[in-house]
Each structure stands twice: as C-alpha cells, then as structure tokens.
N, C-alpha and C. Protein backbone atom coordinates (compact mmCIF):
# COMPACT_ATOMS: atom_id res chain seq x y z
N UNK A 1 0.85 -1.20 0.00
CA UNK A 1 0.00 0.00 0.00
C UNK A 1 0.88 1.25 0.00
N UNK A 2 1.81 1.30 0.92
CA UNK A 2 2.68 2.48 1.00
C UNK A 2 3.41 2.68 -0.32
N UNK A 3 3.96 1.60 -0.85
CA UNK A 3 4.73 1.72 -2.09
C UNK A 3 3.84 2.24 -3.21
N UNK A 4 2.63 1.73 -3.29
CA UNK A 4 1.70 2.19 -4.33
C UNK A 4 1.47 3.69 -4.21
N UNK A 5 1.19 4.12 -3.00
CA UNK A 5 0.92 5.55 -2.79
C UNK A 5 2.15 6.38 -3.13
N UNK A 6 3.27 5.91 -2.67
CA UNK A 6 4.51 6.64 -2.91
C UNK A 6 4.80 6.70 -4.40
N UNK A 7 4.62 5.58 -5.06
CA UNK A 7 4.89 5.52 -6.49
C UNK A 7 3.99 6.50 -7.24
N UNK A 8 2.71 6.50 -6.90
CA UNK A 8 1.77 7.39 -7.58
C UNK A 8 2.18 8.84 -7.39
N UNK A 9 2.50 9.20 -6.18
CA UNK A 9 2.88 10.58 -5.88
C UNK A 9 4.19 10.93 -6.59
N UNK A 10 5.16 10.02 -6.50
CA UNK A 10 6.46 10.27 -7.13
C UNK A 10 6.29 10.41 -8.63
N UNK A 11 5.46 9.58 -9.22
CA UNK A 11 5.24 9.65 -10.67
C UNK A 11 4.94 11.08 -11.09
N UNK A 12 4.00 11.67 -10.43
CA UNK A 12 3.59 13.03 -10.79
C UNK A 12 4.75 14.00 -10.58
N UNK A 13 5.38 13.90 -9.45
CA UNK A 13 6.50 14.81 -9.13
C UNK A 13 7.59 14.66 -10.19
N UNK A 14 7.91 13.44 -10.52
CA UNK A 14 8.98 13.18 -11.48
C UNK A 14 8.61 13.78 -12.82
N UNK A 15 7.41 13.53 -13.27
CA UNK A 15 6.97 14.04 -14.58
C UNK A 15 7.11 15.56 -14.63
N UNK A 16 6.83 16.21 -13.52
CA UNK A 16 6.88 17.67 -13.49
C UNK A 16 8.28 18.18 -13.18
N UNK A 17 9.00 17.41 -12.39
CA UNK A 17 10.32 17.88 -11.96
C UNK A 17 11.40 17.51 -12.98
N UNK A 18 11.21 16.42 -13.67
CA UNK A 18 12.24 15.99 -14.63
C UNK A 18 11.73 16.08 -16.06
N UNK A 19 12.03 17.16 -16.74
CA UNK A 19 11.65 17.32 -18.13
C UNK A 19 12.65 16.67 -19.08
N UNK A 20 13.54 15.89 -18.53
CA UNK A 20 14.59 15.26 -19.35
C UNK A 20 14.00 14.11 -20.16
N UNK A 21 13.55 13.07 -19.48
CA UNK A 21 13.00 11.93 -20.22
C UNK A 21 12.76 10.76 -19.29
N UNK A 22 13.57 10.62 -18.25
CA UNK A 22 13.39 9.50 -17.32
C UNK A 22 12.33 9.90 -16.31
N UNK A 23 11.10 9.57 -16.62
CA UNK A 23 9.98 10.03 -15.79
C UNK A 23 9.89 9.25 -14.47
N UNK A 24 9.30 8.07 -14.52
CA UNK A 24 8.99 7.35 -13.27
C UNK A 24 10.02 6.27 -12.97
N UNK A 25 10.88 5.96 -13.90
CA UNK A 25 11.81 4.85 -13.69
C UNK A 25 12.79 5.12 -12.55
N UNK A 26 13.50 6.22 -12.55
CA UNK A 26 14.53 6.47 -11.54
C UNK A 26 13.96 6.50 -10.12
N UNK A 27 12.86 7.18 -9.93
CA UNK A 27 12.29 7.30 -8.59
C UNK A 27 11.89 5.93 -8.05
N UNK A 28 11.17 5.19 -8.86
CA UNK A 28 10.69 3.87 -8.41
C UNK A 28 11.88 2.97 -8.08
N UNK A 29 12.89 2.99 -8.93
CA UNK A 29 14.06 2.13 -8.69
C UNK A 29 14.74 2.53 -7.39
N UNK A 30 14.89 3.82 -7.16
CA UNK A 30 15.56 4.29 -5.94
C UNK A 30 14.76 3.87 -4.71
N UNK A 31 13.46 4.02 -4.77
CA UNK A 31 12.62 3.65 -3.63
C UNK A 31 12.70 2.15 -3.38
N UNK A 32 12.75 1.38 -4.45
CA UNK A 32 12.80 -0.07 -4.31
C UNK A 32 14.04 -0.48 -3.54
N UNK A 33 15.13 0.19 -3.83
CA UNK A 33 16.37 -0.13 -3.11
C UNK A 33 16.25 0.43 -1.72
C-alpha cells in the first residue's frame, strides 16, 4: 500500500520535476532499493 501511494505521488513529481526523459523509472528504482 505504502509503495503504491509513494509511487503514484512520485510519478507526478517526477513528470513535473524531470523534463529530461526518465519520468517514473529512476524514482521507483531508488525507492525499491
């Protein structure tokens, strides 16, 4: 549950914060570790 919520929130932040190209991949991977 926590991971799902975190992932959803991070997704949005990443999309807005990172205009480079790596949207949700980096955040999710970092959280997983």
